[in-house]
């Protein structure tokens, strides 16, 4: 296995994992609710554009990672 192929595989796997992490974080961004009692709920309110930002980062990373992975020849 050549060094260039190893580097491409490393970059593509890193981008795929980063994209997966960004997607999970983007989906969980607005769902952080902690129920303390029946009347008190702590909620973290983030602007909605942050959720779309992280999902956009996720899609970009996943697409680039997949394209690099497909360009690696056997």
C-alpha atoms as a PDB file:
ATOM      1  CA  UNK A   1       0.000   0.000   0.000  1.00  0.00           C
ATOM      2  CA  UNK A   2       1.504   3.304  -1.061  1.00  0.00           C
ATOM      3  CA  UNK A   3       1.946   6.243   1.260  1.00  0.00           C
ATOM      4  CA  UNK A   4      -0.446   8.423  -0.757  1.00  0.00           C
ATOM      5  CA  UNK A   5      -3.186   5.806  -0.462  1.00  0.00           C
ATOM      6  CA  UNK A   6      -2.664   5.601   3.303  1.00  0.00           C
ATOM      7  CA  UNK A   7      -2.891   9.388   3.612  1.00  0.00           C
ATOM      8  CA  UNK A   8      -6.077   9.469   1.522  1.00  0.00           C
ATOM      9  CA  UNK A   9      -7.642   6.743   3.656  1.00  0.00           C
ATOM     10  CA  UNK A  10      -6.676   8.563   6.854  1.00  0.00           C
ATOM     11  CA  UNK A  11      -8.104  11.869   5.612  1.00  0.00           C
ATOM     12  CA  UNK A  12     -11.337  10.288   4.386  1.00  0.00           C
ATOM     13  CA  UNK A  13     -11.909   8.358   7.619  1.00  0.00           C
ATOM     14  CA  UNK A  14     -11.202  11.490   9.660  1.00  0.00           C
ATOM     15  CA  UNK A  15     -13.671  13.513   7.573  1.00  0.00           C
ATOM     16  CA  UNK A  16     -16.323  10.815   7.859  1.00  0.00           C
ATOM     17  CA  UNK A  17     -15.969  10.655  11.647  1.00  0.00           C
ATOM     18  CA  UNK A  18     -15.954  14.453  11.935  1.00  0.00           C
ATOM     19  CA  UNK A  19     -19.094  14.626   9.801  1.00  0.00           C
ATOM     20  CA  UNK A  20     -20.822  12.034  11.953  1.00  0.00           C
ATOM     21  CA  UNK A  21     -19.889  13.895  15.137  1.00  0.00           C
ATOM     22  CA  UNK A  22     -21.100  17.225  13.715  1.00  0.00           C
ATOM     23  CA  UNK A  23     -24.406  15.652  12.662  1.00  0.00           C
ATOM     24  CA  UNK A  24     -24.993  14.180  16.105  1.00  0.00           C
ATOM     25  CA  UNK A  25     -24.071  17.449  17.829  1.00  0.00           C
ATOM     26  CA  UNK A  26     -26.268  19.458  15.456  1.00  0.00           C
ATOM     27  CA  UNK A  27     -29.276  17.238  16.085  1.00  0.00           C
ATOM     28  CA  UNK A  28     -28.802  17.263  19.863  1.00  0.00           C
ATOM     29  CA  UNK A  29     -28.180  21.015  20.080  1.00  0.00           C
ATOM     30  CA  UNK A  30     -31.760  22.057  20.821  1.00  0.00           C
ATOM     31  CA  UNK A  31     -32.860  18.980  22.738  1.00  0.00           C
ATOM     32  CA  UNK A  32     -30.960  19.607  25.974  1.00  0.00           C
ATOM     33  CA  UNK A  33     -33.731  19.656  28.575  1.00  0.00           C
ATOM     34  CA  UNK A  34     -33.220  18.760  32.204  1.00  0.00           C
ATOM     35  CA  UNK A  35     -36.349  18.118  34.289  1.00  0.00           C
ATOM     36  CA  UNK A  36     -35.581  19.172  37.867  1.00  0.00           C
ATOM     37  CA  UNK A  37     -39.084  19.082  39.337  1.00  0.00           C
ATOM     38  CA  UNK A  38     -42.624  19.123  37.983  1.00  0.00           C
ATOM     39  CA  UNK A  39     -42.470  22.899  37.599  1.00  0.00           C
ATOM     40  CA  UNK A  40     -38.814  23.615  36.842  1.00  0.00           C
ATOM     41  CA  UNK A  41     -37.180  22.604  33.577  1.00  0.00           C
ATOM     42  CA  UNK A  42     -33.759  23.795  32.493  1.00  0.00           C
ATOM     43  CA  UNK A  43     -33.514  24.230  28.746  1.00  0.00           C
ATOM     44  CA  UNK A  44     -30.523  25.413  26.766  1.00  0.00           C
ATOM     45  CA  UNK A  45     -31.757  27.664  23.983  1.00  0.00           C
ATOM     46  CA  UNK A  46     -29.417  28.008  21.038  1.00  0.00           C
ATOM     47  CA  UNK A  47     -30.220  29.939  17.869  1.00  0.00           C
ATOM     48  CA  UNK A  48     -31.719  27.671  15.233  1.00  0.00           C
ATOM     49  CA  UNK A  49     -29.061  28.629  12.693  1.00  0.00           C
ATOM     50  CA  UNK A  50     -26.431  26.825  14.797  1.00  0.00           C
ATOM     51  CA  UNK A  51     -28.265  23.551  14.263  1.00  0.00           C
ATOM     52  CA  UNK A  52     -28.297  24.089  10.497  1.00  0.00           C
ATOM     53  CA  UNK A  53     -24.651  25.190  10.609  1.00  0.00           C
ATOM     54  CA  UNK A  54     -23.539  21.943  12.251  1.00  0.00           C
ATOM     55  CA  UNK A  55     -25.696  19.873   9.907  1.00  0.00           C
ATOM     56  CA  UNK A  56     -24.149  21.727   6.948  1.00  0.00           C
ATOM     57  CA  UNK A  57     -20.667  21.025   8.284  1.00  0.00           C
ATOM     58  CA  UNK A  58     -21.659  17.388   8.703  1.00  0.00           C
ATOM     59  CA  UNK A  59     -22.915  17.066   5.140  1.00  0.00           C
ATOM     60  CA  UNK A  60     -19.797  18.756   3.750  1.00  0.00           C
ATOM     61  CA  UNK A  61     -17.459  16.500   5.734  1.00  0.00           C
ATOM     62  CA  UNK A  62     -19.380  13.360   4.822  1.00  0.00           C
ATOM     63  CA  UNK A  63     -19.458  14.280   1.131  1.00  0.00           C
ATOM     64  CA  UNK A  64     -15.748  15.140   0.982  1.00  0.00           C
ATOM     65  CA  UNK A  65     -14.812  12.037   2.954  1.00  0.00           C
ATOM     66  CA  UNK A  66     -16.877   9.818   0.666  1.00  0.00           C
ATOM     67  CA  UNK A  67     -15.421  11.401  -2.479  1.00  0.00           C
ATOM     68  CA  UNK A  68     -11.848  10.956  -1.237  1.00  0.00           C
ATOM     69  CA  UNK A  69     -12.621   7.381  -0.205  1.00  0.00           C
ATOM     70  CA  UNK A  70     -14.031   6.631  -3.672  1.00  0.00           C
ATOM     71  CA  UNK A  71     -10.933   8.100  -5.324  1.00  0.00           C
ATOM     72  CA  UNK A  72      -8.648   5.613  -3.559  1.00  0.00           C
ATOM     73  CA  UNK A  73      -7.816   2.897  -6.080  1.00  0.00           C
ATOM     74  CA  UNK A  74      -7.495  -0.731  -5.056  1.00  0.00           C
END
